Amino acid sequence: MNKESNIPEHLFNANQAIALVYDGERAPTISASGQDELAQAIIQLALQYEIPIYENAELAAWLSQLDIGEEIPEMLYRVIAEILAFVYQLEGREAPLQKTSK
């Protein structure tokens, strides 16, 4: 941990952060996005509220092109679904099922 904050050392140098929100109804959406100091603030909040952090610079670069409130593109559904499934498993709960229309 860095002495000046509670950000783990390997995250202290992160220069980009993206936060997603998923309600089980729609595709995950961008809830926060930032670089440098804003990225550090996003990471700090995630740590403070015990929100899991997934590190992937390439995925962050893709997601950083989206606006706040924008749904992730269909081409990223699978990778985001795998990440969400892993997070739900870590938390000991089941992922919400998508409703299908007939």
PDB file of N, CA and C in Angstrom:
ATOM      1  N   MET A   1       0.831  -1.176   0.000  1.00  0.00           N
ATOM      2  CA  MET A   1       0.000   0.000   0.000  1.00  0.00           C
ATOM      3  C   MET A   1       0.883   1.249   0.000  1.00  0.00           C
ATOM      4  N   ASN A   2       0.431   2.240  -0.683  1.00  0.00           N
ATOM      5  CA  ASN A   2       1.110   3.515  -0.690  1.00  0.00           C
ATOM      6  C   ASN A   2       0.830   4.224   0.627  1.00  0.00           C
ATOM      7  N   LYS A   3       1.832   4.850   1.203  1.00  0.00           N
ATOM      8  CA  LYS A   3       1.677   5.505   2.502  1.00  0.00           C
ATOM      9  C   LYS A   3       0.708   6.675   2.461  1.00  0.00           C
ATOM     10  N   GLU A   4       0.577   7.337   1.305  1.00  0.00           N
ATOM     11  CA  GLU A   4      -0.264   8.520   1.203  1.00  0.00           C
ATOM     12  C   GLU A   4      -1.730   8.197   0.970  1.00  0.00           C
ATOM     13  N   SER A   5      -2.060   6.974   0.648  1.00  0.00           N
ATOM     14  CA  SER A   5      -3.448   6.600   0.364  1.00  0.00           C
ATOM     15  C   SER A   5      -3.610   5.118   0.621  1.00  0.00           C
ATOM     16  N   ASN A   6      -4.828   4.637   0.441  1.00  0.00           N
ATOM     17  CA  ASN A   6      -5.022   3.207   0.611  1.00  0.00           C
ATOM     18  C   ASN A   6      -5.092   2.492  -0.735  1.00  0.00           C
ATOM     19  N   ILE A   7      -4.506   3.088  -1.763  1.00  0.00           N
ATOM     20  CA  ILE A   7      -4.449   2.446  -3.073  1.00  0.00           C
ATOM     21  C   ILE A   7      -3.248   1.495  -3.092  1.00  0.00           C
ATOM     22  N   PRO A   8      -3.482   0.199  -3.410  1.00  0.00           N
ATOM     23  CA  PRO A   8      -2.352  -0.725  -3.518  1.00  0.00           C
ATOM     24  C   PRO A   8      -1.325  -0.197  -4.527  1.00  0.00           C
ATOM     25  N   GLU A   9      -0.069  -0.439  -4.258  1.00  0.00           N
ATOM     26  CA  GLU A   9       1.023   0.128  -5.049  1.00  0.00           C
ATOM     27  C   GLU A   9       0.858  -0.101  -6.553  1.00  0.00           C
ATOM     28  N   HIS A  10       0.435  -1.301  -6.953  1.00  0.00           N
ATOM     29  CA  HIS A  10       0.308  -1.570  -8.388  1.00  0.00           C
ATOM     30  C   HIS A  10      -0.824  -0.772  -9.030  1.00  0.00           C
ATOM     31  N   LEU A  11      -1.793  -0.305  -8.251  1.00  0.00           N
ATOM     32  CA  LEU A  11      -2.869   0.530  -8.793  1.00  0.00           C
ATOM     33  C   LEU A  11      -2.538   2.013  -8.710  1.00  0.00           C
ATOM     34  N   PHE A  12      -1.564   2.356  -7.873  1.00  0.00           N
ATOM     35  CA  PHE A  12      -1.224   3.762  -7.658  1.00  0.00           C
ATOM     36  C   PHE A  12      -0.729   4.424  -8.942  1.00  0.00           C
ATOM     37  N   ASN A  13      -0.172   3.629  -9.846  1.00  0.00           N
ATOM     38  CA  ASN A  13       0.358   4.171 -11.093  1.00  0.00           C
ATOM     39  C   ASN A  13      -0.621   4.071 -12.255  1.00  0.00           C
ATOM     40  N   ALA A  14      -1.826   3.568 -12.015  1.00  0.00           N
ATOM     41  CA  ALA A  14      -2.811   3.449 -13.086  1.00  0.00           C
ATOM     42  C   ALA A  14      -3.163   4.835 -13.610  1.00  0.00           C
ATOM     43  N   ASN A  15      -3.165   4.987 -14.928  1.00  0.00           N
ATOM     44  CA  ASN A  15      -3.491   6.293 -15.497  1.00  0.00           C
ATOM     45  C   ASN A  15      -4.847   6.313 -16.188  1.00  0.00           C
ATOM     46  N   GLN A  16      -5.594   5.205 -16.082  1.00  0.00           N
ATOM     47  CA  GLN A  16      -6.915   5.154 -16.692  1.00  0.00           C
ATOM     48  C   GLN A  16      -7.799   4.215 -15.882  1.00  0.00           C
ATOM     49  N   ALA A  17      -9.054   4.623 -15.699  1.00  0.00           N
ATOM     50  CA  ALA A  17     -10.011   3.777 -14.990  1.00  0.00           C
ATOM     51  C   ALA A  17     -11.396   3.975 -15.598  1.00  0.00           C
ATOM     52  N   ILE A  18     -12.119   2.877 -15.688  1.00  0.00           N
ATOM     53  CA  ILE A  18     -13.478   2.871 -16.208  1.00  0.00           C
ATOM     54  C   ILE A  18     -14.328   2.103 -15.199  1.00  0.00           C
ATOM     55  N   ALA A  19     -15.500   2.626 -14.885  1.00  0.00           N
ATOM     56  CA  ALA A  19     -16.428   1.931 -13.992  1.00  0.00           C
ATOM     57  C   ALA A  19     -17.682   1.577 -14.788  1.00  0.00           C
ATOM     58  N   LEU A  20     -18.172   0.366 -14.542  1.00  0.00           N
ATOM     59  CA  LEU A  20     -19.385  -0.105 -15.204  1.00  0.00           C
ATOM     60  C   LEU A  20     -20.473  -0.336 -14.172  1.00  0.00           C
ATOM     61  N   VAL A  21     -21.713  -0.198 -14.595  1.00  0.00           N
ATOM     62  CA  VAL A  21     -22.859  -0.554 -13.773  1.00  0.00           C
ATOM     63  C   VAL A  21     -23.698  -1.541 -14.586  1.00  0.00           C
ATOM     64  N   TYR A  22     -24.213  -2.553 -13.883  1.00  0.00           N
ATOM     65  CA  TYR A  22     -25.031  -3.564 -14.547  1.00  0.00           C
ATOM     66  C   TYR A  22     -26.232  -3.857 -13.672  1.00  0.00           C
ATOM     67  N   ASP A  23     -27.421  -3.674 -14.237  1.00  0.00           N
ATOM     68  CA  ASP A  23     -28.649  -3.874 -13.475  1.00  0.00           C
ATOM     69  C   ASP A  23     -29.366  -5.180 -13.797  1.00  0.00           C
ATOM     70  N   GLY A  24     -28.829  -5.975 -14.704  1.00  0.00           N
ATOM     71  CA  GLY A  24     -29.452  -7.240 -15.073  1.00  0.00           C
ATOM     72  C   GLY A  24     -30.557  -7.086 -16.102  1.00  0.00           C
ATOM     73  N   GLU A  25     -30.908  -5.854 -16.422  1.00  0.00           N
ATOM     74  CA  GLU A  25     -31.978  -5.603 -17.392  1.00  0.00           C
ATOM     75  C   GLU A  25     -31.417  -5.192 -18.748  1.00  0.00           C
ATOM     76  N   ARG A  26     -30.446  -4.299 -18.711  1.00  0.00           N
ATOM     77  CA  ARG A  26     -29.841  -3.787 -19.939  1.00  0.00           C
ATOM     78  C   ARG A  26     -28.383  -4.218 -19.977  1.00  0.00           C
ATOM     79  N   ALA A  27     -27.723  -3.902 -21.064  1.00  0.00           N
ATOM     80  CA  ALA A  27     -26.286  -4.159 -21.158  1.00  0.00           C
ATOM     81  C   ALA A  27     -25.569  -3.288 -20.132  1.00  0.00           C
ATOM     82  N   PRO A  28     -24.413  -3.720 -19.642  1.00  0.00           N
ATOM     83  CA  PRO A  28     -23.643  -2.878 -18.725  1.00  0.00           C
ATOM     84  C   PRO A  28     -23.377  -1.503 -19.361  1.00  0.00           C
ATOM     85  N   THR A  29     -23.378  -0.482 -18.529  1.00  0.00           N
ATOM     86  CA  THR A  29     -23.138   0.877 -19.016  1.00  0.00           C
ATOM     87  C   THR A  29     -21.960   1.499 -18.285  1.00  0.00           C
ATOM     88  N   ILE A  30     -21.378   2.490 -18.930  1.00  0.00           N
ATOM     89  CA  ILE A  30     -20.258   3.221 -18.350  1.00  0.00           C
ATOM     90  C   ILE A  30     -20.813   4.162 -17.278  1.00  0.00           C
ATOM     91  N   SER A  31     -20.328   4.025 -16.047  1.00  0.00           N
ATOM     92  CA  SER A  31     -20.796   4.898 -14.976  1.00  0.00           C
ATOM     93  C   SER A  31     -19.743   5.933 -14.578  1.00  0.00           C
ATOM     94  N   ALA A  32     -18.492   5.686 -14.916  1.00  0.00           N
ATOM     95  CA  ALA A  32     -17.413   6.643 -14.652  1.00  0.00           C
ATOM     96  C   ALA A  32     -16.247   6.316 -15.573  1.00  0.00           C
ATOM     97  N   SER A  33     -15.518   7.326 -15.948  1.00  0.00           N
ATOM     98  CA  SER A  33     -14.367   7.139 -16.822  1.00  0.00           C
ATOM     99  C   SER A  33     -13.410   8.297 -16.594  1.00  0.00           C
ATOM    100  N   GLY A  34     -12.137   7.997 -16.491  1.00  0.00           N
ATOM    101  CA  GLY A  34     -11.200   9.082 -16.288  1.00  0.00           C
ATOM    102  C   GLY A  34      -9.757   8.661 -16.464  1.00  0.00           C
ATOM    103  N   GLN A  35      -8.920   9.666 -16.591  1.00  0.00           N
ATOM    104  CA  GLN A  35      -7.490   9.452 -16.715  1.00  0.00           C
ATOM    105  C   GLN A  35      -6.764  10.190 -15.603  1.00  0.00           C
ATOM    106  N   ASP A  36      -5.582   9.716 -15.319  1.00  0.00           N
ATOM    107  CA  ASP A  36      -4.681  10.346 -14.354  1.00  0.00           C
ATOM    108  C   ASP A  36      -5.342  10.553 -12.990  1.00  0.00           C
ATOM    109  N   GLU A  37      -5.493  11.794 -12.526  1.00  0.00           N
ATOM    110  CA  GLU A  37      -6.038  12.035 -11.183  1.00  0.00           C
ATOM    111  C   GLU A  37      -7.469  11.535 -11.046  1.00  0.00           C
ATOM    112  N   LEU A  38      -8.280  11.692 -12.096  1.00  0.00           N
ATOM    113  CA  LEU A  38      -9.653  11.204 -12.046  1.00  0.00           C
ATOM    114  C   LEU A  38      -9.671   9.674 -11.982  1.00  0.00           C
ATOM    115  N   ALA A  39      -8.769   9.035 -12.702  1.00  0.00           N
ATOM    116  CA  ALA A  39      -8.655   7.572 -12.642  1.00  0.00           C
ATOM    117  C   ALA A  39      -8.321   7.132 -11.219  1.00  0.00           C
ATOM    118  N   GLN A  40      -7.410   7.841 -10.582  1.00  0.00           N
ATOM    119  CA  GLN A  40      -7.044   7.504  -9.208  1.00  0.00           C
ATOM    120  C   GLN A  40      -8.230   7.690  -8.260  1.00  0.00           C
ATOM    121  N   ALA A  41      -9.043   8.722  -8.495  1.00  0.00           N
ATOM    122  CA  ALA A  41     -10.225   8.946  -7.663  1.00  0.00           C
ATOM    123  C   ALA A  41     -11.247   7.816  -7.856  1.00  0.00           C
ATOM    124  N   ILE A  42     -11.422   7.355  -9.094  1.00  0.00           N
ATOM    125  CA  ILE A  42     -12.333   6.241  -9.377  1.00  0.00           C
ATOM    126  C   ILE A  42     -11.855   4.983  -8.664  1.00  0.00           C
ATOM    127  N   ILE A  43     -10.571   4.704  -8.741  1.00  0.00           N
ATOM    128  CA  ILE A  43      -9.993   3.530  -8.082  1.00  0.00           C
ATOM    129  C   ILE A  43     -10.151   3.646  -6.569  1.00  0.00           C
ATOM    130  N   GLN A  44      -9.886   4.834  -6.043  1.00  0.00           N
ATOM    131  CA  GLN A  44     -10.016   5.069  -4.600  1.00  0.00           C
ATOM    132  C   GLN A  44     -11.442   4.774  -4.128  1.00  0.00           C
ATOM    133  N   LEU A  45     -12.440   5.257  -4.864  1.00  0.00           N
ATOM    134  CA  LEU A  45     -13.844   5.005  -4.508  1.00  0.00           C
ATOM    135  C   LEU A  45     -14.182   3.519  -4.586  1.00  0.00           C
ATOM    136  N   ALA A  46     -13.688   2.865  -5.621  1.00  0.00           N
ATOM    137  CA  ALA A  46     -13.938   1.424  -5.747  1.00  0.00           C
ATOM    138  C   ALA A  46     -13.373   0.677  -4.546  1.00  0.00           C
ATOM    139  N   LEU A  47     -12.167   1.018  -4.146  1.00  0.00           N
ATOM    140  CA  LEU A  47     -11.555   0.373  -2.986  1.00  0.00           C
ATOM    141  C   LEU A  47     -12.323   0.703  -1.709  1.00  0.00           C
ATOM    142  N   GLN A  48     -12.723   1.950  -1.565  1.00  0.00           N
ATOM    143  CA  GLN A  48     -13.448   2.393  -0.372  1.00  0.00           C
ATOM    144  C   GLN A  48     -14.763   1.637  -0.211  1.00  0.00           C
ATOM    145  N   TYR A  49     -15.456   1.394  -1.312  1.00  0.00           N
ATOM    146  CA  TYR A  49     -16.748   0.715  -1.264  1.00  0.00           C
ATOM    147  C   TYR A  49     -16.646  -0.772  -1.588  1.00  0.00           C
ATOM    148  N   GLU A  50     -15.421  -1.285  -1.587  1.00  0.00           N
ATOM    149  CA  GLU A  50     -15.139  -2.709  -1.809  1.00  0.00           C
ATOM    150  C   GLU A  50     -15.735  -3.223  -3.113  1.00  0.00           C
ATOM    151  N   ILE A  51     -15.624  -2.407  -4.150  1.00  0.00           N
ATOM    152  CA  ILE A  51     -16.054  -2.800  -5.489  1.00  0.00           C
ATOM    153  C   ILE A  51     -14.875  -3.495  -6.155  1.00  0.00           C
ATOM    154  N   PRO A  52     -15.105  -4.690  -6.705  1.00  0.00           N
ATOM    155  CA  PRO A  52     -13.989  -5.414  -7.338  1.00  0.00           C
ATOM    156  C   PRO A  52     -13.362  -4.605  -8.473  1.00  0.00           C
ATOM    157  N   ILE A  53     -12.056  -4.714  -8.581  1.00  0.00           N
ATOM    158  CA  ILE A  53     -11.301  -4.028  -9.628  1.00  0.00           C
ATOM    159  C   ILE A  53     -10.698  -5.083 -10.541  1.00  0.00           C
ATOM    160  N   TYR A  54     -10.935  -4.917 -11.836  1.00  0.00           N
ATOM    161  CA  TYR A  54     -10.384  -5.819 -12.846  1.00  0.00           C
ATOM    162  C   TYR A  54      -9.409  -5.004 -13.682  1.00  0.00           C
ATOM    163  N   GLU A  55      -8.185  -5.472 -13.769  1.00  0.00           N
ATOM    164  CA  GLU A  55      -7.161  -4.730 -14.495  1.00  0.00           C
ATOM    165  C   GLU A  55      -6.948  -5.299 -15.889  1.00  0.00           C
ATOM    166  N   ASN A  56      -7.198  -4.461 -16.901  1.00  0.00           N
ATOM    167  CA  ASN A  56      -6.977  -4.855 -18.290  1.00  0.00           C
ATOM    168  C   ASN A  56      -6.861  -3.570 -19.102  1.00  0.00           C
ATOM    169  N   ALA A  57      -5.634  -3.171 -19.416  1.00  0.00           N
ATOM    170  CA  ALA A  57      -5.384  -1.902 -20.104  1.00  0.00           C
ATOM    171  C   ALA A  57      -6.032  -1.856 -21.480  1.00  0.00           C
ATOM    172  N   GLU A  58      -6.013  -2.963 -22.196  1.00  0.00           N
ATOM    173  CA  GLU A  58      -6.608  -2.987 -23.539  1.00  0.00           C
ATOM    174  C   GLU A  58      -8.124  -2.792 -23.464  1.00  0.00           C
ATOM    175  N   LEU A  59      -8.768  -3.471 -22.536  1.00  0.00           N
ATOM    176  CA  LEU A  59     -10.212  -3.322 -22.361  1.00  0.00           C
ATOM    177  C   LEU A  59     -10.545  -1.895 -21.916  1.00  0.00           C
ATOM    178  N   ALA A  60      -9.751  -1.343 -21.021  1.00  0.00           N
ATOM    179  CA  ALA A  60      -9.970   0.037 -20.566  1.00  0.00           C
ATOM    180  C   ALA A  60      -9.846   1.007 -21.734  1.00  0.00           C
ATOM    181  N   ALA A  61      -8.899   0.773 -22.628  1.00  0.00           N
ATOM    182  CA  ALA A  61      -8.738   1.643 -23.800  1.00  0.00           C
ATOM    183  C   ALA A  61      -9.985   1.604 -24.677  1.00  0.00           C
ATOM    184  N   TRP A  62     -10.546   0.419 -24.875  1.00  0.00           N
ATOM    185  CA  TRP A  62     -11.788   0.286 -25.657  1.00  0.00           C
ATOM    186  C   TRP A  62     -12.929   1.014 -24.967  1.00  0.00           C
ATOM    187  N   LEU A  63     -13.095   0.749 -23.684  1.00  0.00           N
ATOM    188  CA  LEU A  63     -14.221   1.319 -22.945  1.00  0.00           C
ATOM    189  C   LEU A  63     -14.102   2.828 -22.771  1.00  0.00           C
ATOM    190  N   SER A  64     -12.877   3.349 -22.753  1.00  0.00           N
ATOM    191  CA  SER A  64     -12.685   4.789 -22.565  1.00  0.00           C
ATOM    192  C   SER A  64     -13.198   5.599 -23.747  1.00  0.00           C
ATOM    193  N   GLN A  65     -13.455   4.949 -24.854  1.00  0.00           N
ATOM    194  CA  GLN A  65     -13.992   5.631 -26.032  1.00  0.00           C
ATOM    195  C   GLN A  65     -15.495   5.885 -25.913  1.00  0.00           C
ATOM    196  N   LEU A  66     -16.125   5.273 -24.903  1.00  0.00           N
ATOM    197  CA  LEU A  66     -17.566   5.420 -24.707  1.00  0.00           C
ATOM    198  C   LEU A  66     -17.862   6.575 -23.761  1.00  0.00           C
ATOM    199  N   ASP A  67     -19.071   7.110 -23.870  1.00  0.00           N
ATOM    200  CA  ASP A  67     -19.507   8.197 -22.999  1.00  0.00           C
ATOM    201  C   ASP A  67     -20.159   7.642 -21.734  1.00  0.00           C
ATOM    202  N   ILE A  68     -20.184   8.441 -20.686  1.00  0.00           N
ATOM    203  CA  ILE A  68     -20.876   8.078 -19.448  1.00  0.00           C
ATOM    204  C   ILE A  68     -22.342   7.789 -19.798  1.00  0.00           C
ATOM    205  N   GLY A  69     -22.868   6.685 -19.286  1.00  0.00           N
ATOM    206  CA  GLY A  69     -24.257   6.299 -19.553  1.00  0.00           C
ATOM    207  C   GLY A  69     -24.440   5.457 -20.800  1.00  0.00           C
ATOM    208  N   GLU A  70     -23.402   5.324 -21.593  1.00  0.00           N
ATOM    209  CA  GLU A  70     -23.485   4.542 -22.833  1.00  0.00           C
ATOM    210  C   GLU A  70     -23.317   3.056 -22.531  1.00  0.00           C
ATOM    211  N   GLU A  71     -24.125   2.218 -23.199  1.00  0.00           N
ATOM    212  CA  GLU A  71     -24.009   0.774 -23.042  1.00  0.00           C
ATOM    213  C   GLU A  71     -22.758   0.276 -23.743  1.00  0.00           C
ATOM    214  N   ILE A  72     -22.188  -0.798 -23.206  1.00  0.00           N
ATOM    215  CA  ILE A  72     -21.022  -1.382 -23.864  1.00  0.00           C
ATOM    216  C   ILE A  72     -21.461  -1.931 -25.219  1.00  0.00           C
ATOM    217  N   PRO A  73     -20.576  -1.932 -26.200  1.00  0.00           N
ATOM    218  CA  PRO A  73     -20.934  -2.462 -27.519  1.00  0.00           C
ATOM    219  C   PRO A  73     -21.076  -3.986 -27.480  1.00  0.00           C
ATOM    220  N   GLU A  74     -21.882  -4.487 -28.386  1.00  0.00           N
ATOM    221  CA  GLU A  74     -22.162  -5.916 -28.445  1.00  0.00           C
ATOM    222  C   GLU A  74     -20.885  -6.751 -28.572  1.00  0.00           C
ATOM    223  N   MET A  75     -19.884  -6.234 -29.255  1.00  0.00           N
ATOM    224  CA  MET A  75     -18.641  -6.992 -29.445  1.00  0.00           C
ATOM    225  C   MET A  75     -17.905  -7.241 -28.123  1.00  0.00           C
ATOM    226  N   LEU A  76     -18.254  -6.500 -27.058  1.00  0.00           N
ATOM    227  CA  LEU A  76     -17.614  -6.695 -25.755  1.00  0.00           C
ATOM    228  C   LEU A  76     -18.492  -7.466 -24.771  1.00  0.00           C
ATOM    229  N   TYR A  77     -19.693  -7.875 -25.190  1.00  0.00           N
ATOM    230  CA  TYR A  77     -20.600  -8.588 -24.290  1.00  0.00           C
ATOM    231  C   TYR A  77     -19.950  -9.803 -23.647  1.00  0.00           C
ATOM    232  N   ARG A  78     -19.306 -10.628 -24.438  1.00  0.00           N
ATOM    233  CA  ARG A  78     -18.763 -11.883 -23.907  1.00  0.00           C
ATOM    234  C   ARG A  78     -17.694 -11.628 -22.846  1.00  0.00           C
ATOM    235  N   VAL A  79     -16.745 -10.754 -23.134  1.00  0.00           N
ATOM    236  CA  VAL A  79     -15.662 -10.508 -22.172  1.00  0.00           C
ATOM    237  C   VAL A  79     -16.209  -9.872 -20.894  1.00  0.00           C
ATOM    238  N   ILE A  80     -17.135  -8.939 -21.025  1.00  0.00           N
ATOM    239  CA  ILE A  80     -17.725  -8.309 -19.839  1.00  0.00           C
ATOM    240  C   ILE A  80     -18.560  -9.323 -19.066  1.00  0.00           C
ATOM    241  N   ALA A  81     -19.285 -10.187 -19.777  1.00  0.00           N
ATOM    242  CA  ALA A  81     -20.085 -11.231 -19.115  1.00  0.00           C
ATOM    243  C   ALA A  81     -19.183 -12.171 -18.317  1.00  0.00           C
ATOM    244  N   GLU A  82     -18.037 -12.527 -18.862  1.00  0.00           N
ATOM    245  CA  GLU A  82     -17.104 -13.405 -18.154  1.00  0.00           C
ATOM    246  C   GLU A  82     -16.560 -12.720 -16.898  1.00  0.00           C
ATOM    247  N   ILE A  83     -16.262 -11.436 -17.003  1.00  0.00           N
ATOM    248  CA  ILE A  83     -15.771 -10.686 -15.846  1.00  0.00           C
ATOM    249  C   ILE A  83     -16.858 -10.602 -14.784  1.00  0.00           C
ATOM    250  N   LEU A  84     -18.074 -10.267 -15.194  1.00  0.00           N
ATOM    251  CA  LEU A  84     -19.185 -10.168 -14.239  1.00  0.00           C
ATOM    252  C   LEU A  84     -19.465 -11.516 -13.574  1.00  0.00           C
ATOM    253  N   ALA A  85     -19.427 -12.592 -14.349  1.00  0.00           N
ATOM    254  CA  ALA A  85     -19.662 -13.924 -13.780  1.00  0.00           C
ATOM    255  C   ALA A  85     -18.603 -14.243 -12.727  1.00  0.00           C
ATOM    256  N   PHE A  86     -17.353 -13.891 -13.002  1.00  0.00           N
ATOM    257  CA  PHE A  86     -16.275 -14.124 -12.050  1.00  0.00           C
ATOM    258  C   PHE A  86     -16.486 -13.312 -10.774  1.00  0.00           C
ATOM    259  N   VAL A  87     -16.882 -12.049 -10.930  1.00  0.00           N
ATOM    260  CA  VAL A  87     -17.134 -11.189  -9.768  1.00  0.00           C
ATOM    261  C   VAL A  87     -18.277 -11.754  -8.929  1.00  0.00           C
ATOM    262  N   TYR A  88     -19.364 -12.151  -9.579  1.00  0.00           N
ATOM    263  CA  TYR A  88     -20.490 -12.727  -8.845  1.00  0.00           C
ATOM    264  C   TYR A  88     -20.059 -13.995  -8.108  1.00  0.00           C
ATOM    265  N   GLN A  89     -19.232 -14.809  -8.754  1.00  0.00           N
ATOM    266  CA  GLN A  89     -18.747 -16.036  -8.114  1.00  0.00           C
ATOM    267  C   GLN A  89     -17.900 -15.697  -6.886  1.00  0.00           C
ATOM    268  N   LEU A  90     -17.027 -14.696  -6.995  1.00  0.00           N
ATOM    269  CA  LEU A  90     -16.206 -14.276  -5.863  1.00  0.00           C
ATOM    270  C   LEU A  90     -17.071 -13.820  -4.694  1.00  0.00           C
ATOM    271  N   GLU A  91     -18.181 -13.172  -5.021  1.00  0.00           N
ATOM    272  CA  GLU A  91     -19.069 -12.651  -3.986  1.00  0.00           C
ATOM    273  C   GLU A  91     -20.063 -13.692  -3.491  1.00  0.00           C
ATOM    274  N   GLY A  92     -20.029 -14.898  -4.079  1.00  0.00           N
ATOM    275  CA  GLY A  92     -20.910 -15.971  -3.642  1.00  0.00           C
ATOM    276  C   GLY A  92     -22.360 -15.773  -4.018  1.00  0.00           C
ATOM    277  N   ARG A  93     -22.596 -15.101  -5.129  1.00  0.00           N
ATOM    278  CA  ARG A  93     -23.975 -14.915  -5.575  1.00  0.00           C
ATOM    279  C   ARG A  93     -24.093 -15.238  -7.052  1.00  0.00           C
ATOM    280  N   GLU A  94     -25.328 -15.353  -7.504  1.00  0.00           N
ATOM    281  CA  GLU A  94     -25.572 -15.693  -8.894  1.00  0.00           C
ATOM    282  C   GLU A  94     -25.781 -14.433  -9.719  1.00  0.00           C
ATOM    283  N   ALA A  95     -25.312 -14.470 -10.953  1.00  0.00           N
ATOM    284  CA  ALA A  95     -25.509 -13.350 -11.854  1.00  0.00           C
ATOM    285  C   ALA A  95     -26.981 -13.267 -12.234  1.00  0.00           C
ATOM    286  N   PRO A  96     -27.495 -12.041 -12.376  1.00  0.00           N
ATOM    287  CA  PRO A  96     -28.881 -11.910 -12.807  1.00  0.00           C
ATOM    288  C   PRO A  96     -29.053 -12.493 -14.201  1.00  0.00           C
ATOM    289  N   LEU A  97     -30.162 -13.149 -14.431  1.00  0.00           N
ATOM    290  CA  LEU A  97     -30.439 -13.712 -15.741  1.00  0.00           C
ATOM    291  C   LEU A  97     -31.074 -12.665 -16.621  1.00  0.00           C
ATOM    292  N   GLN A  98     -30.666 -12.646 -17.876  1.00  0.00           N
ATOM    293  CA  GLN A  98     -31.271 -11.734 -18.843  1.00  0.00           C
ATOM    294  C   GLN A  98     -32.659 -12.253 -19.186  1.00  0.00           C
ATOM    295  N   LYS A  99     -33.623 -11.360 -19.238  1.00  0.00           N
ATOM    296  CA  LYS A  99     -34.952 -11.736 -19.645  1.00  0.00           C
ATOM    297  C   LYS A  99     -34.982 -11.875 -21.155  1.00  0.00           C
ATOM    298  N   THR A 100     -35.590 -12.940 -21.627  1.00  0.00           N
ATOM    299  CA  THR A 100     -35.686 -13.131 -23.073  1.00  0.00           C
ATOM    300  C   THR A 100     -37.125 -12.912 -23.500  1.00  0.00           C
ATOM    301  N   SER A 101     -37.277 -12.317 -24.657  1.00  0.00           N
ATOM    302  CA  SER A 101     -38.624 -12.083 -25.158  1.00  0.00           C
ATOM    303  C   SER A 101     -38.995 -13.206 -26.113  1.00  0.00           C
ATOM    304  N   LYS A 102     -40.277 -13.531 -26.119  1.00  0.00           N
ATOM    305  CA  LYS A 102     -40.749 -14.620 -26.997  1.00  0.00           C
ATOM    306  C   LYS A 102     -41.391 -14.065 -28.227  1.00  0.00           C
TER     307      LYS A 102
END
